[in-house]
PDB file of N, CA and C in Angstrom:
ATOM      1  N   UNK A   1      34.651  15.976  -9.538  1.00  0.00           N
ATOM      2  CA  UNK A   1      34.885  16.129  -8.116  1.00  0.00           C
ATOM      3  C   UNK A   1      34.656  14.780  -7.449  1.00  0.00           C
ATOM      4  N   UNK A   2      35.628  14.344  -6.682  1.00  0.00           N
ATOM      5  CA  UNK A   2      35.468  13.087  -5.945  1.00  0.00           C
ATOM      6  C   UNK A   2      35.069  13.392  -4.499  1.00  0.00           C
ATOM      7  N   UNK A   3      34.926  12.347  -3.694  1.00  0.00           N
ATOM      8  CA  UNK A   3      34.447  12.505  -2.324  1.00  0.00           C
ATOM      9  C   UNK A   3      35.392  13.381  -1.504  1.00  0.00           C
ATOM     10  N   UNK A   4      36.693  13.177  -1.630  1.00  0.00           N
ATOM     11  CA  UNK A   4      37.662  13.957  -0.859  1.00  0.00           C
ATOM     12  C   UNK A   4      37.558  15.440  -1.191  1.00  0.00           C
ATOM     13  N   UNK A   5      37.428  15.742  -2.477  1.00  0.00           N
ATOM     14  CA  UNK A   5      37.293  17.133  -2.902  1.00  0.00           C
ATOM     15  C   UNK A   5      35.976  17.735  -2.420  1.00  0.00           C
ATOM     16  N   UNK A   6      34.908  16.933  -2.436  1.00  0.00           N
ATOM     17  CA  UNK A   6      33.612  17.398  -1.951  1.00  0.00           C
ATOM     18  C   UNK A   6      33.678  17.715  -0.467  1.00  0.00           C
ATOM     19  N   UNK A   7      34.288  16.825   0.312  1.00  0.00           N
ATOM     20  CA  UNK A   7      34.415  17.044   1.760  1.00  0.00           C
ATOM     21  C   UNK A   7      35.214  18.311   2.022  1.00  0.00           C
ATOM     22  N   UNK A   8      36.306  18.509   1.292  1.00  0.00           N
ATOM     23  CA  UNK A   8      37.129  19.711   1.469  1.00  0.00           C
ATOM     24  C   UNK A   8      36.337  20.970   1.126  1.00  0.00           C
ATOM     25  N   UNK A   9      35.574  20.930   0.044  1.00  0.00           N
ATOM     26  CA  UNK A   9      34.771  22.087  -0.360  1.00  0.00           C
ATOM     27  C   UNK A   9      33.675  22.381   0.662  1.00  0.00           C
ATOM     28  N   UNK A  10      33.042  21.334   1.175  1.00  0.00           N
ATOM     29  CA  UNK A  10      32.006  21.516   2.195  1.00  0.00           C
ATOM     30  C   UNK A  10      32.589  22.134   3.460  1.00  0.00           C
ATOM     31  N   UNK A  11      33.745  21.633   3.883  1.00  0.00           N
ATOM     32  CA  UNK A  11      34.396  22.143   5.085  1.00  0.00           C
ATOM     33  C   UNK A  11      34.756  23.615   4.916  1.00  0.00           C
ATOM     34  N   UNK A  12      35.294  23.958   3.756  1.00  0.00           N
ATOM     35  CA  UNK A  12      35.678  25.340   3.480  1.00  0.00           C
ATOM     36  C   UNK A  12      34.457  26.254   3.450  1.00  0.00           C
ATOM     37  N   UNK A  13      33.414  25.836   2.774  1.00  0.00           N
ATOM     38  CA  UNK A  13      32.197  26.645   2.628  1.00  0.00           C
ATOM     39  C   UNK A  13      31.497  26.853   3.976  1.00  0.00           C
ATOM     40  N   UNK A  14      31.459  25.805   4.811  1.00  0.00           N
ATOM     41  CA  UNK A  14      30.753  25.881   6.086  1.00  0.00           C
ATOM     42  C   UNK A  14      31.648  26.385   7.224  1.00  0.00           C
ATOM     43  N   UNK A  15      32.952  26.473   6.963  1.00  0.00           N
ATOM     44  CA  UNK A  15      33.868  26.919   8.012  1.00  0.00           C
ATOM     45  C   UNK A  15      34.016  25.907   9.129  1.00  0.00           C
ATOM     46  N   UNK A  16      34.032  24.616   8.760  1.00  0.00           N
ATOM     47  CA  UNK A  16      34.177  23.545   9.754  1.00  0.00           C
ATOM     48  C   UNK A  16      35.371  22.669   9.388  1.00  0.00           C
ATOM     49  N   UNK A  17      35.717  21.750  10.292  1.00  0.00           N
ATOM     50  CA  UNK A  17      36.821  20.824  10.040  1.00  0.00           C
ATOM     51  C   UNK A  17      36.410  19.806   8.984  1.00  0.00           C
ATOM     52  N   UNK A  18      37.410  19.300   8.279  1.00  0.00           N
ATOM     53  CA  UNK A  18      37.138  18.288   7.259  1.00  0.00           C
ATOM     54  C   UNK A  18      36.507  17.041   7.871  1.00  0.00           C
ATOM     55  N   UNK A  19      36.925  16.670   9.075  1.00  0.00           N
ATOM     56  CA  UNK A  19      36.350  15.477   9.716  1.00  0.00           C
ATOM     57  C   UNK A  19      34.860  15.672   9.991  1.00  0.00           C
ATOM     58  N   UNK A  20      34.491  16.895  10.389  1.00  0.00           N
ATOM     59  CA  UNK A  20      33.072  17.181  10.636  1.00  0.00           C
ATOM     60  C   UNK A  20      32.282  17.171   9.333  1.00  0.00           C
ATOM     61  N   UNK A  21      32.879  17.713   8.275  1.00  0.00           N
ATOM     62  CA  UNK A  21      32.214  17.713   6.974  1.00  0.00           C
ATOM     63  C   UNK A  21      32.039  16.287   6.469  1.00  0.00           C
ATOM     64  N   UNK A  22      33.045  15.444   6.698  1.00  0.00           N
ATOM     65  CA  UNK A  22      32.945  14.040   6.272  1.00  0.00           C
ATOM     66  C   UNK A  22      31.855  13.315   7.048  1.00  0.00           C
ATOM     67  N   UNK A  23      31.740  13.598   8.353  1.00  0.00           N
ATOM     68  CA  UNK A  23      30.669  12.997   9.168  1.00  0.00           C
ATOM     69  C   UNK A  23      29.298  13.446   8.657  1.00  0.00           C
ATOM     70  N   UNK A  24      29.176  14.735   8.307  1.00  0.00           N
ATOM     71  CA  UNK A  24      27.899  15.254   7.806  1.00  0.00           C
ATOM     72  C   UNK A  24      27.540  14.609   6.474  1.00  0.00           C
ATOM     73  N   UNK A  25      28.517  14.467   5.585  1.00  0.00           N
ATOM     74  CA  UNK A  25      28.268  13.834   4.286  1.00  0.00           C
ATOM     75  C   UNK A  25      27.860  12.374   4.480  1.00  0.00           C
ATOM     76  N   UNK A  26      28.549  11.669   5.373  1.00  0.00           N
ATOM     77  CA  UNK A  26      28.227  10.260   5.642  1.00  0.00           C
ATOM     78  C   UNK A  26      26.815  10.146   6.221  1.00  0.00           C
ATOM     79  N   UNK A  27      26.465  11.040   7.145  1.00  0.00           N
ATOM     80  CA  UNK A  27      25.123  11.023   7.736  1.00  0.00           C
ATOM     81  C   UNK A  27      24.069  11.264   6.663  1.00  0.00           C
ATOM     82  N   UNK A  28      24.342  12.201   5.741  1.00  0.00           N
ATOM     83  CA  UNK A  28      23.401  12.489   4.649  1.00  0.00           C
ATOM     84  C   UNK A  28      23.209  11.270   3.756  1.00  0.00           C
ATOM     85  N   UNK A  29      24.320  10.677   3.296  1.00  0.00           N
ATOM     86  CA  UNK A  29      24.199   9.532   2.384  1.00  0.00           C
ATOM     87  C   UNK A  29      23.566   8.332   3.080  1.00  0.00           C
ATOM     88  N   UNK A  30      23.901   8.114   4.352  1.00  0.00           N
ATOM     89  CA  UNK A  30      23.296   6.999   5.095  1.00  0.00           C
ATOM     90  C   UNK A  30      21.792   7.194   5.256  1.00  0.00           C
ATOM     91  N   UNK A  31      21.382   8.420   5.548  1.00  0.00           N
ATOM     92  CA  UNK A  31      19.960   8.709   5.742  1.00  0.00           C
ATOM     93  C   UNK A  31      19.188   8.550   4.443  1.00  0.00           C
ATOM     94  N   UNK A  32      19.731   9.078   3.350  1.00  0.00           N
ATOM     95  CA  UNK A  32      19.065   8.944   2.049  1.00  0.00           C
ATOM     96  C   UNK A  32      18.964   7.469   1.673  1.00  0.00           C
ATOM     97  N   UNK A  33      20.043   6.714   1.858  1.00  0.00           N
ATOM     98  CA  UNK A  33      20.045   5.290   1.552  1.00  0.00           C
ATOM     99  C   UNK A  33      18.992   4.544   2.363  1.00  0.00           C
ATOM    100  N   UNK A  34      18.911   4.835   3.653  1.00  0.00           N
ATOM    101  CA  UNK A  34      17.942   4.172   4.537  1.00  0.00           C
ATOM    102  C   UNK A  34      16.509   4.443   4.072  1.00  0.00           C
ATOM    103  N   UNK A  35      16.226   5.693   3.722  1.00  0.00           N
ATOM    104  CA  UNK A  35      14.874   6.046   3.282  1.00  0.00           C
ATOM    105  C   UNK A  35      14.530   5.384   1.949  1.00  0.00           C
ATOM    106  N   UNK A  36      15.495   5.334   1.037  1.00  0.00           N
ATOM    107  CA  UNK A  36      15.253   4.688  -0.255  1.00  0.00           C
ATOM    108  C   UNK A  36      15.027   3.190  -0.084  1.00  0.00           C
ATOM    109  N   UNK A  37      15.763   2.560   0.827  1.00  0.00           N
ATOM    110  CA  UNK A  37      15.561   1.129   1.097  1.00  0.00           C
ATOM    111  C   UNK A  37      14.156   0.861   1.607  1.00  0.00           C
ATOM    112  N   UNK A  38      13.622   1.813   2.406  1.00  0.00           N
ATOM    113  CA  UNK A  38      12.261   1.672   2.937  1.00  0.00           C
ATOM    114  C   UNK A  38      11.210   1.940   1.869  1.00  0.00           C
ATOM    115  N   UNK A  39      11.623   2.476   0.728  1.00  0.00           N
ATOM    116  CA  UNK A  39      10.670   2.772  -0.336  1.00  0.00           C
ATOM    117  C   UNK A  39      10.190   4.209  -0.317  1.00  0.00           C
ATOM    118  N   UNK A  40      10.721   5.014   0.606  1.00  0.00           N
ATOM    119  CA  UNK A  40      10.343   6.424   0.682  1.00  0.00           C
ATOM    120  C   UNK A  40      11.172   7.237  -0.309  1.00  0.00           C
ATOM    121  N   UNK A  41      10.744   8.458  -0.549  1.00  0.00           N
ATOM    122  CA  UNK A  41      11.554   9.349  -1.371  1.00  0.00           C
ATOM    123  C   UNK A  41      12.033  10.501  -0.502  1.00  0.00           C
ATOM    124  N   UNK A  42      13.148  11.093  -0.890  1.00  0.00           N
ATOM    125  CA  UNK A  42      13.721  12.218  -0.166  1.00  0.00           C
ATOM    126  C   UNK A  42      13.668  13.425  -1.092  1.00  0.00           C
ATOM    127  N   UNK A  43      12.911  14.435  -0.693  1.00  0.00           N
ATOM    128  CA  UNK A  43      12.713  15.601  -1.536  1.00  0.00           C
ATOM    129  C   UNK A  43      13.342  16.823  -0.875  1.00  0.00           C
ATOM    130  N   UNK A  44      14.288  17.436  -1.577  1.00  0.00           N
ATOM    131  CA  UNK A  44      14.916  18.668  -1.123  1.00  0.00           C
ATOM    132  C   UNK A  44      14.447  19.775  -2.057  1.00  0.00           C
ATOM    133  N   UNK A  45      13.525  20.594  -1.582  1.00  0.00           N
ATOM    134  CA  UNK A  45      12.905  21.625  -2.410  1.00  0.00           C
ATOM    135  C   UNK A  45      13.987  22.541  -2.981  1.00  0.00           C
ATOM    136  N   UNK A  46      13.937  22.743  -4.279  1.00  0.00           N
ATOM    137  CA  UNK A  46      14.893  23.591  -4.965  1.00  0.00           C
ATOM    138  C   UNK A  46      16.126  22.848  -5.437  1.00  0.00           C
ATOM    139  N   UNK A  47      16.390  21.666  -4.858  1.00  0.00           N
ATOM    140  CA  UNK A  47      17.566  20.889  -5.258  1.00  0.00           C
ATOM    141  C   UNK A  47      17.161  19.690  -6.100  1.00  0.00           C
ATOM    142  N   UNK A  48      16.327  18.823  -5.542  1.00  0.00           N
ATOM    143  CA  UNK A  48      15.879  17.659  -6.294  1.00  0.00           C
ATOM    144  C   UNK A  48      15.277  16.594  -5.412  1.00  0.00           C
ATOM    145  N   UNK A  49      14.966  15.463  -6.035  1.00  0.00           N
ATOM    146  CA  UNK A  49      14.305  14.358  -5.348  1.00  0.00           C
ATOM    147  C   UNK A  49      15.050  13.052  -5.611  1.00  0.00           C
ATOM    148  N   UNK A  50      15.318  12.328  -4.535  1.00  0.00           N
ATOM    149  CA  UNK A  50      15.875  10.982  -4.627  1.00  0.00           C
ATOM    150  C   UNK A  50      14.711  10.020  -4.452  1.00  0.00           C
ATOM    151  N   UNK A  51      14.587   9.032  -5.352  1.00  0.00           N
ATOM    152  CA  UNK A  51      13.515   8.053  -5.229  1.00  0.00           C
ATOM    153  C   UNK A  51      13.947   6.730  -5.854  1.00  0.00           C
ATOM    154  N   UNK A  52      13.147   5.713  -5.628  1.00  0.00           N
ATOM    155  CA  UNK A  52      13.426   4.379  -6.163  1.00  0.00           C
ATOM    156  C   UNK A  52      12.446   4.101  -7.287  1.00  0.00           C
ATOM    157  N   UNK A  53      12.967   3.622  -8.415  1.00  0.00           N
ATOM    158  CA  UNK A  53      12.103   3.216  -9.517  1.00  0.00           C
ATOM    159  C   UNK A  53      12.177   1.704  -9.669  1.00  0.00           C
ATOM    160  N   UNK A  54      11.088   1.118 -10.119  1.00  0.00           N
ATOM    161  CA  UNK A  54      11.047  -0.330 -10.316  1.00  0.00           C
ATOM    162  C   UNK A  54      11.245  -0.645 -11.787  1.00  0.00           C
ATOM    163  N   UNK A  55      12.086  -1.603 -12.057  1.00  0.00           N
ATOM    164  CA  UNK A  55      12.309  -2.057 -13.425  1.00  0.00           C
ATOM    165  C   UNK A  55      11.701  -3.444 -13.567  1.00  0.00           C
ATOM    166  N   UNK A  56      10.858  -3.612 -14.550  1.00  0.00           N
ATOM    167  CA  UNK A  56      10.188  -4.898 -14.771  1.00  0.00           C
ATOM    168  C   UNK A  56      11.179  -5.908 -15.337  1.00  0.00           C
ATOM    169  N   UNK A  57      10.862  -7.181 -15.144  1.00  0.00           N
ATOM    170  CA  UNK A  57      11.669  -8.247 -15.740  1.00  0.00           C
ATOM    171  C   UNK A  57      11.530  -8.154 -17.258  1.00  0.00           C
ATOM    172  N   UNK A  58      12.595  -8.482 -17.951  1.00  0.00           N
ATOM    173  CA  UNK A  58      12.554  -8.390 -19.414  1.00  0.00           C
ATOM    174  C   UNK A  58      13.575  -9.339 -20.015  1.00  0.00           C
ATOM    175  N   UNK A  59      13.491  -9.484 -21.327  1.00  0.00           N
ATOM    176  CA  UNK A  59      14.470 -10.303 -22.035  1.00  0.00           C
ATOM    177  C   UNK A  59      15.509  -9.398 -22.675  1.00  0.00           C
ATOM    178  N   UNK A  60      16.749  -9.822 -22.590  1.00  0.00           N
ATOM    179  CA  UNK A  60      17.835  -9.077 -23.207  1.00  0.00           C
ATOM    180  C   UNK A  60      18.678 -10.020 -24.041  1.00  0.00           C
ATOM    181  N   UNK A  61      19.729  -9.501 -24.602  1.00  0.00           N
ATOM    182  CA  UNK A  61      20.633 -10.321 -25.411  1.00  0.00           C
ATOM    183  C   UNK A  61      22.057 -10.164 -24.908  1.00  0.00           C
ATOM    184  N   UNK A  62      22.774 -11.268 -24.887  1.00  0.00           N
ATOM    185  CA  UNK A  62      24.193 -11.241 -24.566  1.00  0.00           C
ATOM    186  C   UNK A  62      24.899 -10.604 -25.762  1.00  0.00           C
ATOM    187  N   UNK A  63      25.600  -9.474 -25.565  1.00  0.00           N
ATOM    188  CA  UNK A  63      26.211  -8.802 -26.710  1.00  0.00           C
ATOM    189  C   UNK A  63      27.321  -9.610 -27.394  1.00  0.00           C
ATOM    190  N   UNK A  64      27.932 -10.531 -26.671  1.00  0.00           N
ATOM    191  CA  UNK A  64      29.008 -11.330 -27.274  1.00  0.00           C
ATOM    192  C   UNK A  64      28.477 -12.479 -28.113  1.00  0.00           C
ATOM    193  N   UNK A  65      27.440 -13.157 -27.592  1.00  0.00           N
ATOM    194  CA  UNK A  65      26.937 -14.345 -28.283  1.00  0.00           C
ATOM    195  C   UNK A  65      25.607 -14.115 -29.000  1.00  0.00           C
ATOM    196  N   UNK A  66      24.880 -13.086 -28.601  1.00  0.00           N
ATOM    197  CA  UNK A  66      23.569 -12.837 -29.192  1.00  0.00           C
ATOM    198  C   UNK A  66      22.482 -13.708 -28.576  1.00  0.00           C
ATOM    199  N   UNK A  67      22.840 -14.530 -27.594  1.00  0.00           N
ATOM    200  CA  UNK A  67      21.873 -15.421 -26.950  1.00  0.00           C
ATOM    201  C   UNK A  67      20.873 -14.616 -26.122  1.00  0.00           C
ATOM    202  N   UNK A  68      19.613 -15.063 -26.146  1.00  0.00           N
ATOM    203  CA  UNK A  68      18.570 -14.411 -25.364  1.00  0.00           C
ATOM    204  C   UNK A  68      18.758 -14.794 -23.901  1.00  0.00           C
ATOM    205  N   UNK A  69      18.626 -13.804 -23.024  1.00  0.00           N
ATOM    206  CA  UNK A  69      18.745 -14.077 -21.585  1.00  0.00           C
ATOM    207  C   UNK A  69      17.684 -13.286 -20.844  1.00  0.00           C
ATOM    208  N   UNK A  70      17.303 -13.780 -19.687  1.00  0.00           N
ATOM    209  CA  UNK A  70      16.290 -13.110 -18.888  1.00  0.00           C
ATOM    210  C   UNK A  70      16.981 -12.158 -17.922  1.00  0.00           C
ATOM    211  N   UNK A  71      16.447 -10.937 -17.836  1.00  0.00           N
ATOM    212  CA  UNK A  71      16.944  -9.942 -16.903  1.00  0.00           C
ATOM    213  C   UNK A  71      15.878  -9.810 -15.828  1.00  0.00           C
ATOM    214  N   UNK A  72      16.273 -10.071 -14.587  1.00  0.00           N
ATOM    215  CA  UNK A  72      15.329 -10.077 -13.469  1.00  0.00           C
ATOM    216  C   UNK A  72      14.824  -8.669 -13.170  1.00  0.00           C
ATOM    217  N   UNK A  73      13.648  -8.617 -12.552  1.00  0.00           N
ATOM    218  CA  UNK A  73      13.100  -7.335 -12.100  1.00  0.00           C
ATOM    219  C   UNK A  73      14.028  -6.771 -11.032  1.00  0.00           C
ATOM    220  N   UNK A  74      14.113  -5.459 -10.955  1.00  0.00           N
ATOM    221  CA  UNK A  74      14.990  -4.839  -9.964  1.00  0.00           C
ATOM    222  C   UNK A  74      14.482  -3.451  -9.608  1.00  0.00           C
ATOM    223  N   UNK A  75      15.095  -2.891  -8.590  1.00  0.00           N
ATOM    224  CA  UNK A  75      14.815  -1.526  -8.180  1.00  0.00           C
ATOM    225  C   UNK A  75      16.089  -0.729  -8.398  1.00  0.00           C
ATOM    226  N   UNK A  76      15.947   0.535  -8.768  1.00  0.00           N
ATOM    227  CA  UNK A  76      17.116   1.377  -9.009  1.00  0.00           C
ATOM    228  C   UNK A  76      16.894   2.759  -8.404  1.00  0.00           C
ATOM    229  N   UNK A  77      17.917   3.303  -7.739  1.00  0.00           N
ATOM    230  CA  UNK A  77      17.778   4.660  -7.225  1.00  0.00           C
ATOM    231  C   UNK A  77      17.810   5.662  -8.376  1.00  0.00           C
ATOM    232  N   UNK A  78      17.105   6.773  -8.193  1.00  0.00           N
ATOM    233  CA  UNK A  78      16.998   7.778  -9.247  1.00  0.00           C
ATOM    234  C   UNK A  78      17.033   9.160  -8.597  1.00  0.00           C
ATOM    235  N   UNK A  79      17.684  10.092  -9.264  1.00  0.00           N
ATOM    236  CA  UNK A  79      17.694  11.479  -8.799  1.00  0.00           C
ATOM    237  C   UNK A  79      17.087  12.353  -9.884  1.00  0.00           C
ATOM    238  N   UNK A  80      16.130  13.163  -9.505  1.00  0.00           N
ATOM    239  CA  UNK A  80      15.519  14.098 -10.445  1.00  0.00           C
ATOM    240  C   UNK A  80      15.798  15.504  -9.933  1.00  0.00           C
ATOM    241  N   UNK A  81      16.519  16.280 -10.733  1.00  0.00           N
ATOM    242  CA  UNK A  81      16.879  17.641 -10.341  1.00  0.00           C
ATOM    243  C   UNK A  81      15.645  18.525 -10.251  1.00  0.00           C
ATOM    244  N   UNK A  82      15.647  19.417  -9.262  1.00  0.00           N
ATOM    245  CA  UNK A  82      14.562  20.375  -9.096  1.00  0.00           C
ATOM    246  C   UNK A  82      14.714  21.556 -10.047  1.00  0.00           C
ATOM    247  N   UNK A  83      13.666  22.328 -10.167  1.00  0.00           N
ATOM    248  CA  UNK A  83      13.658  23.453 -11.103  1.00  0.00           C
ATOM    249  C   UNK A  83      14.757  24.462 -10.787  1.00  0.00           C
ATOM    250  N   UNK A  84      14.942  24.792  -9.515  1.00  0.00           N
ATOM    251  CA  UNK A  84      15.949  25.795  -9.147  1.00  0.00           C
ATOM    252  C   UNK A  84      17.352  25.321  -9.528  1.00  0.00           C
ATOM    253  N   UNK A  85      17.647  24.054  -9.314  1.00  0.00           N
ATOM    254  CA  UNK A  85      18.956  23.508  -9.684  1.00  0.00           C
ATOM    255  C   UNK A  85      19.135  23.520 -11.193  1.00  0.00           C
ATOM    256  N   UNK A  86      18.103  23.111 -11.918  1.00  0.00           N
ATOM    257  CA  UNK A  86      18.169  23.130 -13.385  1.00  0.00           C
ATOM    258  C   UNK A  86      18.417  24.540 -13.896  1.00  0.00           C
ATOM    259  N   UNK A  87      17.715  25.507 -13.312  1.00  0.00           N
ATOM    260  CA  UNK A  87      17.874  26.901 -13.738  1.00  0.00           C
ATOM    261  C   UNK A  87      19.289  27.408 -13.486  1.00  0.00           C
ATOM    262  N   UNK A  88      19.861  27.060 -12.326  1.00  0.00           N
ATOM    263  CA  UNK A  88      21.222  27.494 -12.011  1.00  0.00           C
ATOM    264  C   UNK A  88      22.252  26.864 -12.947  1.00  0.00           C
ATOM    265  N   UNK A  89      22.071  25.595 -13.273  1.00  0.00           N
ATOM    266  CA  UNK A  89      23.003  24.909 -14.149  1.00  0.00           C
ATOM    267  C   UNK A  89      22.925  25.462 -15.565  1.00  0.00           C
ATOM    268  N   UNK A  90      21.737  25.825 -16.009  1.00  0.00           N
ATOM    269  CA  UNK A  90      21.543  26.327 -17.363  1.00  0.00           C
ATOM    270  C   UNK A  90      21.728  27.831 -17.511  1.00  0.00           C
ATOM    271  N   UNK A  91      21.953  28.523 -16.398  1.00  0.00           N
ATOM    272  CA  UNK A  91      22.130  29.979 -16.443  1.00  0.00           C
ATOM    273  C   UNK A  91      23.417  30.335 -17.163  1.00  0.00           C
ATOM    274  N   UNK A  92      23.334  31.331 -18.025  1.00  0.00           N
ATOM    275  CA  UNK A  92      24.519  31.714 -18.809  1.00  0.00           C
ATOM    276  C   UNK A  92      25.166  32.952 -18.267  1.00  0.00           C
TER     277      UNK A  92
END
């Protein structure tokens, strides 16, 4: 499912216009992004948690040449599914 399909599904499910659903999706992603940039986590009970993890600096290898290279420390967004979501996905 891509963004256009998601917006259409949201609009259909909520009984709203696609433009309104797109605005709601944009507001959600912007808000989550803003909170993650601040270092906060966003927890939606039953769905999951968005948070930032820190990756330490490390040495890696260039796969083409095999040369050792330094990989800088970085932060990465992470999503951890909640129990209710996991249960629904695994339900048979």
